Protein backbone atom coordinates (compact mmCIF):
# COMPACT_ATOMS: atom_id res chain seq x y z
CA MET A 1 73.20 120.85 90.60
CA LYS A 2 71.93 120.30 87.08
CA LYS A 3 71.33 116.67 86.27
CA ILE A 4 70.84 115.06 82.90
CA GLY A 5 70.18 111.58 81.72
CA PHE A 6 68.37 108.81 83.45
CA ILE A 7 68.34 106.04 86.02
CA VAL A 8 68.24 102.50 84.67
CA THR A 9 67.71 99.40 86.80
CA SER A 10 67.37 95.88 85.56
CA LEU A 11 66.60 92.45 86.93
CA ALA A 12 67.60 89.37 84.96
CA LEU A 13 64.88 86.71 84.99
CA ALA A 14 65.31 83.22 83.70
CA SER A 15 62.50 81.99 81.52
CA GLY A 16 60.91 78.60 81.82
CA GLY A 17 61.98 77.85 85.39
CA ALA A 18 63.09 79.11 88.81
CA VAL A 19 66.16 81.28 89.28
CA ALA A 20 68.79 79.53 91.42
CA LEU A 21 70.24 81.84 94.05
CA PRO A 22 73.98 81.69 94.74
CA VAL A 23 75.10 79.92 97.91
CA ASP A 24 75.42 81.83 101.19
CA GLY A 25 78.63 83.69 101.92
CA ALA A 26 80.61 86.55 100.48
CA PHE A 27 79.47 87.87 97.11
CA ALA A 28 80.90 90.28 94.55
CA VAL A 29 79.78 93.89 94.14
CA SER A 30 80.84 96.11 91.22
CA ALA A 31 80.95 99.90 91.07
CA SER A 32 82.48 102.18 88.42
CA PHE A 33 82.26 105.56 86.66
CA SER A 34 82.50 105.83 82.89
CA PRO A 35 84.43 107.93 82.17
CA SER A 36 86.22 107.97 85.54
CA THR A 37 87.75 111.42 84.88
CA VAL A 38 85.84 114.36 83.38
CA ALA A 39 86.28 118.11 83.11
CA ALA A 40 84.00 120.19 85.33
CA GLY A 41 80.59 120.39 83.62
CA GLY A 42 81.10 117.10 81.80
CA SER A 43 78.82 114.07 81.89
CA THR A 44 79.58 110.66 83.39
CA THR A 45 77.65 107.45 84.16
CA PHE A 46 77.90 105.48 87.38
CA THR A 47 77.10 101.76 87.09
CA TRP A 48 76.76 99.20 89.85
CA GLY A 49 75.79 95.55 90.18
CA ALA A 50 75.68 92.62 92.59
CA ALA A 51 74.90 88.91 92.59
CA VAL A 52 71.36 87.57 92.17
CA GLY A 53 69.41 87.79 95.42
CA ALA A 54 71.19 90.90 96.70
CA PHE A 55 69.61 94.26 97.43
CA CYS A 56 71.76 97.38 97.25
CA ASP A 57 71.68 101.03 98.28
CA VAL A 58 73.90 103.60 96.56
CA ASP A 59 74.81 106.85 98.27
CA GLY A 60 77.27 109.65 97.59
CA LEU A 61 75.87 110.56 94.16
CA PRO A 62 74.44 114.06 93.54
CA GLY A 63 71.03 112.55 92.81
CA GLY A 64 70.63 111.18 96.34
CA THR A 65 70.29 107.56 97.42
CA LEU A 66 69.49 104.96 94.76
CA SER A 67 68.40 101.36 95.29
CA GLY A 68 68.35 98.10 93.37
CA ARG A 69 70.52 95.07 92.72
CA ASN A 70 72.06 96.83 89.72
CA GLY A 71 71.60 99.96 87.65
CA SER A 72 73.19 103.10 86.25
CA TYR A 73 72.91 106.84 86.76
CA THR A 74 74.08 109.63 84.45
CA PHE A 75 74.75 113.17 85.70
CA VAL A 76 76.76 116.35 85.11
CA ALA A 77 79.79 116.54 87.40
CA THR A 78 81.08 119.77 88.93
CA ALA A 79 83.25 118.27 91.69
CA PRO A 80 84.85 114.93 92.55
CA VAL A 81 82.40 112.27 93.75
CA THR A 82 82.81 109.03 95.69
CA ALA A 83 79.86 106.64 95.42
CA TYR A 84 79.29 103.84 97.96
CA VAL A 85 77.38 100.66 97.09
CA SER A 86 76.07 98.81 100.16
CA CYS A 87 74.49 95.38 99.52
CA GLU A 88 72.90 92.63 101.60
CA ARG A 89 72.02 89.05 100.69
CA ASN A 90 70.92 86.33 103.09
CA ASP A 91 72.10 88.41 106.07
CA VAL A 92 75.55 88.86 104.49
CA PHE A 93 76.92 92.35 103.83
CA SER A 94 79.20 93.31 100.94
CA GLY A 95 80.05 96.70 99.49
CA LYS A 96 82.26 98.65 97.15
CA SER A 97 83.05 102.27 96.33
CA ALA A 98 84.22 104.18 93.24
CA THR A 99 85.61 107.69 92.81
CA LEU A 100 85.05 110.15 89.96
CA ASN A 101 87.89 112.60 89.25
CA VAL A 102 86.88 116.05 88.02
CA THR A 103 89.44 118.42 86.49
CA ASP A 104 89.49 122.18 85.86
CA VAL A 105 87.76 123.08 89.11
CA ARG A 106 88.76 125.78 91.57
CA PRO A 107 91.09 124.77 94.40
CA THR A 108 89.70 123.53 97.69
CA ALA A 109 91.43 123.43 101.06
CA THR A 110 90.76 121.47 104.23
CA ALA A 111 92.62 121.54 107.53
CA SER A 112 92.05 120.07 110.97
CA PHE A 113 93.74 119.40 114.28
CA ALA A 114 93.76 115.89 115.76
CA PRO A 115 93.07 116.06 118.57
CA SER A 116 91.48 119.51 118.48
CA THR A 117 91.96 119.87 122.25
CA VAL A 118 95.32 119.45 124.02
CA TYR A 119 96.46 119.95 127.58
CA VAL A 120 98.96 122.43 129.00
CA GLY A 121 102.30 120.62 129.19
CA GLY A 122 100.88 117.64 127.33
CA ALA A 123 101.40 116.00 123.96
CA PRO A 124 101.16 118.06 120.76
CA SER A 125 98.31 117.99 118.27
CA THR A 126 98.73 117.16 114.59
CA LEU A 127 97.67 119.76 112.02
CA SER A 128 96.74 118.01 108.78
CA TRP A 129 95.86 119.75 105.54
CA SER A 130 94.91 118.73 102.03
CA SER A 131 93.74 120.37 98.84
CA THR A 132 92.44 119.73 95.35
CA GLN A 133 93.41 121.55 92.18
CA ALA A 134 96.16 123.41 94.07
CA THR A 135 99.93 123.50 93.64
CA ASN A 136 100.93 124.62 97.14
CA CYS A 137 99.55 125.44 100.59
CA THR A 138 100.90 127.87 103.21
CA SER A 139 100.02 129.17 106.67
CA ALA A 140 101.22 132.39 108.33
CA GLN A 141 100.72 130.87 111.81
CA VAL A 142 102.50 127.56 111.09
CA PRO A 143 105.51 128.11 108.78
CA GLY A 144 105.98 124.36 108.27
CA VAL A 145 102.82 124.08 106.13
CA ALA A 146 103.87 123.45 102.52
CA GLY A 147 102.89 121.32 99.55
CA THR A 148 99.37 120.30 98.61
CA SER A 149 98.89 118.05 101.66
CA GLY A 150 100.70 116.99 104.77
CA SER A 151 100.77 117.08 108.55
CA ILE A 152 102.87 118.73 111.23
CA ALA A 153 103.00 118.61 115.02
CA VAL A 154 101.82 121.73 116.83
CA PRO A 155 102.65 121.94 120.56
CA PRO A 156 100.09 123.09 123.14
CA ALA A 157 100.19 126.68 124.30
CA ALA A 158 101.91 127.53 127.59
CA SER A 159 98.55 128.47 129.14
CA PRO A 160 94.87 127.75 128.36
CA SER A 161 93.96 129.41 125.06
CA SER A 162 92.41 128.95 121.63
CA GLN A 163 94.57 129.19 118.49
CA THR A 164 93.13 129.51 114.98
CA VAL A 165 95.35 128.58 112.05
CA THR A 166 94.52 129.60 108.48
CA VAL A 167 95.72 127.39 105.62
CA THR A 168 95.63 128.85 102.10
CA CYS A 169 96.02 126.66 99.01
CA ALA A 170 96.59 128.17 95.56
CA GLY A 171 96.57 126.77 92.03
CA PRO A 172 96.25 127.86 88.39
CA THR A 173 92.52 128.60 88.74
CA GLY A 174 92.60 130.51 92.06
CA SER A 175 93.01 129.93 95.77
CA ALA A 176 91.03 128.75 98.79
CA SER A 177 91.48 129.22 102.54
CA THR A 178 90.27 127.26 105.55
CA ASP A 179 90.61 127.58 109.33
CA ALA A 180 91.42 125.02 112.00
CA THR A 181 91.23 125.75 115.72
CA LEU A 182 93.32 124.18 118.49
CA ALA A 183 92.20 124.57 122.09
CA THR A 184 94.66 124.26 124.96
CA VAL A 185 93.00 123.44 128.29
CA PRO A 186 94.28 122.85 131.86
CA ALA A 187 95.91 119.48 132.36
CA VAL A 188 93.53 116.71 133.47
CA ALA A 189 94.50 113.08 134.03
CA PRO A 190 92.82 111.06 131.23
CA ALA A 191 90.00 108.78 132.32
CA SER A 192 89.47 105.30 130.93
CA VAL A 193 87.43 102.18 131.64
CA THR A 194 87.94 98.65 130.30
CA VAL A 195 85.00 96.21 130.41
CA PHE A 196 85.18 92.41 130.64
CA VAL A 197 82.38 89.86 130.15
CA ASN A 198 82.85 86.33 131.50
CA PRO A 199 82.02 84.11 129.80
CA SER A 200 82.17 86.15 126.61
CA TYR A 201 80.84 83.23 124.54
CA LEU A 202 77.78 81.18 125.46
CA SER A 203 76.42 78.11 123.69
CA ALA A 204 72.91 78.94 125.00
CA PRO A 205 71.18 81.68 127.07
CA ASN A 206 72.72 81.98 130.54
CA PHE A 207 74.19 84.39 133.10
CA VAL A 208 77.36 86.40 132.47
CA ASN A 209 79.51 88.45 134.84
CA VAL A 210 80.35 92.03 133.77
CA THR A 211 83.46 93.46 135.45
CA TYR A 212 85.70 96.42 134.70
CA THR A 213 88.85 98.31 135.56
CA ALA A 214 88.91 102.12 135.53
CA GLN A 215 91.48 104.88 135.88
CA ASN A 216 91.07 108.49 137.05
CA VAL A 217 87.32 108.17 137.73
CA THR A 218 85.17 108.92 140.77
CA SER A 219 82.33 106.40 140.38
CA CYS A 220 81.01 103.80 137.91
CA GLN A 221 77.84 101.92 137.07
CA GLY A 222 77.04 98.92 134.86
CA GLY A 223 78.91 95.95 136.34
CA GLY A 224 77.20 92.89 137.79
CA GLN A 225 75.70 89.55 136.82
CA TYR A 226 73.17 89.50 133.97
CA PHE A 227 71.05 86.90 132.22
CA ILE A 228 71.14 87.22 128.43
CA ALA A 229 69.12 85.40 125.79
CA GLN A 230 71.00 86.60 122.73
CA SER A 231 74.25 88.31 121.77
CA THR A 232 74.50 91.58 123.69
CA TRP A 233 76.66 94.67 124.10
CA PHE A 234 77.41 95.66 127.69
CA GLY A 235 78.56 99.08 128.78
CA VAL A 236 80.07 100.49 131.97
CA GLN A 237 79.93 104.23 132.50
CA CYS A 238 82.02 106.23 134.96
CA ASP A 239 82.04 109.80 136.20
CA ALA A 240 85.43 111.46 135.76
CA PRO A 241 86.89 114.92 136.29
CA GLY A 242 85.51 117.02 133.44
CA GLY A 243 83.01 114.52 132.05
CA THR A 244 82.06 110.85 131.70
CA VAL A 245 83.81 107.84 130.21
CA ALA A 246 82.14 104.67 128.90
CA GLY A 247 83.63 101.31 127.96
CA TYR A 248 82.03 98.40 126.09
CA ALA A 249 82.29 94.62 125.75
CA TRP A 250 80.41 92.02 123.72
CA ALA A 251 78.89 88.72 124.86
CA ARG A 252 77.95 86.24 122.14
CA VAL A 253 75.18 83.67 122.39
CA TYR A 254 75.55 80.93 119.78
CA ARG A 255 71.98 79.63 120.11
CA PRO A 256 69.55 82.32 121.32
CA TRP A 257 66.08 81.47 122.51
CA PRO A 258 63.93 80.59 119.46
CA PHE A 259 61.27 83.20 120.24
CA SER A 260 60.81 85.68 117.41
CA ASN A 261 58.86 88.04 119.66
CA PHE A 262 61.19 87.81 122.65
CA ALA A 263 62.07 91.41 123.55
CA PRO A 264 62.93 92.26 127.16
CA THR A 265 64.28 95.79 127.36
CA PRO A 266 67.88 95.44 128.67
CA PRO A 267 69.34 92.17 130.01
CA MET A 268 68.31 91.68 133.63
CA SER A 269 70.43 90.90 136.67
CA LYS A 270 69.44 88.73 139.64
CA ASP A 271 68.86 91.78 141.85
CA GLY A 272 66.62 93.51 139.28
CA LYS A 273 69.22 96.01 138.07
CA THR A 274 69.76 96.51 134.37
CA ALA A 275 72.86 96.82 132.24
CA MET A 276 73.75 100.37 131.23
CA ALA A 277 73.58 99.74 127.47
CA ALA A 278 70.53 98.05 125.93
CA PRO A 279 71.54 95.52 123.24
CA LYS A 280 71.15 96.42 119.58
CA ALA A 281 68.67 93.65 118.77
CA LEU A 282 66.24 94.47 121.57
CA SER A 283 65.44 98.13 120.87
CA LEU A 284 64.15 100.07 117.88
CA PRO A 285 66.96 101.78 115.94
CA VAL A 286 67.25 105.53 116.32
CA ASN A 287 66.50 107.34 113.05
CA LEU A 288 69.81 108.74 111.77
CA LYS A 289 68.91 108.80 108.07
CA HIS A 290 69.25 112.60 108.03
CA LEU A 291 72.94 112.00 108.86
CA GLY A 292 73.30 109.47 106.03
CA ILE A 293 73.17 106.50 108.45
CA ASP A 294 70.52 103.76 108.21
CA LEU A 295 70.88 101.57 111.30
CA SER A 296 68.53 98.94 109.84
CA LYS A 297 71.25 98.02 107.33
CA LYS A 298 73.86 95.38 108.15
CA ARG A 299 76.47 97.84 106.90
CA TYR A 300 76.31 99.38 110.39
CA GLU A 301 76.81 98.06 113.90
CA TYR A 302 76.07 100.15 116.94
CA VAL A 303 75.59 100.27 120.68
CA GLU A 304 73.39 102.63 122.70
CA SER A 305 74.21 104.30 126.03
CA ASP A 306 73.77 107.63 127.75
CA MET A 307 77.40 108.68 127.34
CA ASN A 308 77.00 112.16 128.85
CA ARG A 309 74.42 111.41 131.56
CA ASP A 310 71.77 113.80 130.23
CA GLY A 311 68.94 111.25 130.20
CA VAL A 312 68.98 110.82 126.39
CA ARG A 313 70.46 107.73 124.74
CA ASP A 314 73.55 108.33 122.63
CA LEU A 315 75.05 106.06 119.99
CA LEU A 316 78.41 104.62 119.04
CA VAL A 317 78.11 103.58 115.36
CA VAL A 318 80.56 101.85 113.01
CA ASP A 319 80.20 102.01 109.21
CA LYS A 320 81.85 98.77 108.05
CA LEU A 321 82.05 99.98 104.43
CA LYS A 322 83.71 103.34 105.09
CA GLN A 323 85.52 101.93 108.16
CA GLN A 324 84.54 104.92 110.27
CA ALA A 325 83.20 105.16 113.81
CA TYR A 326 80.75 107.89 114.80
CA ILE A 327 79.81 109.28 118.22
CA VAL A 328 76.26 110.65 117.96
CA LEU A 329 75.05 112.51 121.06
CA GLY A 330 71.32 112.90 121.52
CA LYS A 331 69.83 116.27 122.41
CA GLY A 332 66.21 116.69 123.49
CA GLY A 333 65.27 113.40 121.85
CA GLN A 334 66.89 114.48 118.56
CA TYR A 335 70.20 113.60 116.91
CA PRO A 336 71.27 116.79 115.12
CA ALA A 337 74.84 115.90 114.12
CA ILE A 338 77.74 113.47 114.31
CA SER A 339 79.80 114.72 117.24
CA LYS A 340 82.96 112.71 116.56
CA THR A 341 84.30 110.68 113.63
CA VAL A 342 87.16 108.19 113.99
CA GLU A 343 88.85 106.77 110.88
CA LYS A 344 90.05 103.22 110.20
CA ILE A 345 87.57 101.47 112.51
CA ALA A 346 86.18 98.22 111.09
CA THR A 347 84.25 97.03 114.18
CA ILE A 348 83.06 98.34 117.53
CA SER A 349 85.30 95.80 119.28
CA GLN A 350 88.29 98.00 118.34
CA ILE A 351 86.98 100.75 120.65
CA LYS A 352 88.01 100.50 124.30
CA SER A 353 86.31 103.57 125.77
CA VAL A 354 84.73 106.93 124.94
CA PHE A 355 85.19 110.07 127.06
CA VAL A 356 82.59 112.84 126.73
CA PRO A 357 83.30 116.20 128.46
CA VAL A 358 80.74 118.09 130.50
CA SER A 359 80.61 120.68 127.72
CA ASN A 360 79.84 118.00 125.07
CA ALA A 361 82.33 119.88 122.87
CA PRO A 362 83.16 117.62 119.88
CA GLY A 363 86.81 118.66 119.99
CA GLU A 364 87.15 117.34 123.55
CA ILE A 365 85.57 113.92 122.98
CA ARG A 366 88.26 111.24 123.31
CA VAL A 367 88.04 107.74 121.82
CA THR A 368 90.52 105.15 123.10
CA LEU A 369 91.22 102.11 120.93
CA GLU A 370 92.19 98.65 122.13
CA SER A 371 95.71 99.12 120.70
CA GLN A 372 96.20 102.30 122.72
CA GLN A 373 97.21 102.56 126.34
């Protein structure tokens, strides 16, 4: 993409004395495009800013990630852009996003099934589609597809199969097509595990009891009594027909041990066993920057566990700004892609369990939320 213009950052300094930082707590972040709507090939400037003492990262712009408390960036736009400003100050996170509208571009089309795998005789999947710069969408395989966006229930096939649906969206400047695939597999009773930590809140380091309940599983590991010195995620993992299922719970320590270099690996039990999931604060973050995720930022919270029992740690990550959860499965010590994305998740505590099939197929990964049965 051709870029023009410049990056400008500034830092306001008071002369003749110290700069007073704002008090701790929530702080304002600004983000905007000017103009906010341009024709394809037109120029726009993105500007952001935050309170004194904050440090911000900006991603989503065509120029890559930018940093600084405030600044601006000018570029030529060829497609709509959403920029995310993620800021930290005194261990407090705040963020904001802004969207640039671009007109006179060719139509785009997206379509997906949720879930992408259903069971024979089970509940239907939902085909959702959307478009830009289009006036209508159609599908030969699903006659109910119409309009520029929408969703429709698609029942499972009568026998195991794979169905590909093509959605075509057309507008004044052309058309675009996209495919979505729905797999129907033999019926399997869904597996789930719910984890409990008692006590879940400690005023100082102490022992906690990790228990669980599980359905449609063959064996589990991770329960027991553990001594913890700081707030810790616990996980219980179970083998189930067709894969593994893991559940998580959080124990909070109000006053952890005041040792800055205290770093046992996982929390330890009386009999020498260890919890399945090592706590976030006691292990080095996995490098996911190639996926646009920086686990060193307070924008993210995460928990590590070997979800598919392949000997490589996997991650459950929540982006508090985008309110998305990601399942990232490790492979050979690498993390090549996000295997599953779940929308409208503000914290890991909303997630009850994660089921990963033997095949590791992203379409068959199931995430159960606390509000679901």
